[in-house]
């Protein structure tokens, strides 16, 4: 974990995204100053001369220029900041006629978002330049202190004499300078991340929500028909009836064993011997 944290901390100096962020922030102030002066001056003069019809072509030129500036800023945000922004929209291509194209262009939200981004570029450029100059100035003094300590160059000059840093303070300036260098790059990367979010916020179109489906009204009743007092909902469609499951065949029953003949009881044998033979019947063995 410590190795990965140290790698991320010191590896910021070898990442290409770091130096692309620095380049974007270095260009932000001069571009923002140019955009602000051009747009504010052009819009002010154009709106002031609309009454004499001279301001209309001026406003059209300014509007075309700010579309080109917005397209250039989209390219910068995509390739220097790594922002996920689309190409500049061309709303006028889907319209017919000069008036229709102008209405489509100025009625697009992307047109006014581009103008807001260009005007805010000066403020973002001011912050970027301040951060770069602060890091560069601190880095310069951290490496200048060792030189002043070794060569005994007076850093502070007063009426009573000069002061130069001692050698131990000069030696501390070298590691402090390297630490300021890496921390400054992380700070500039953080500000570049904020600039990327700002560009994605203004240059990305809002997602379109689908329009609700139109409700078809029920057909009108023919003339002379009596409308029912209570609307009856149509019965739901019959669900498919599943075929009945086959009934398993009954297992054949085993045959019931016949009852064994019971032996005569002694009482029944004595009763049978006591019954007299019927007339005409002779006991077997009698003459």
Foldseek 3Di string as FASTA:
>chain_A
DVVVVVCVLVVLVVDPLLVLLLVCLVPLQVQLVVLQVVLVVLVVVLVVCVVVPPSPVSVVVSLVVLLVVLQVVVVSLCPSLVADFDGRDQQLVVFDDPVRSVCRQVVDLLSVLSSVCSNCSNVLSVVSVVLVVVLVVLLVVLQVLQVCQVVVPFPAADPVGGDHDHNVSNVVSVVVSVVSVSVSSVVSNVSSVVVSVSCCVSRPDDDDDDDDDDDDDDDDDDPPDDDDPDDDDDDDDDDDDDDDDDDDDDDDDDDDDDDDDDDDDVVVVVVVVPDDDDPPDDDPPDD
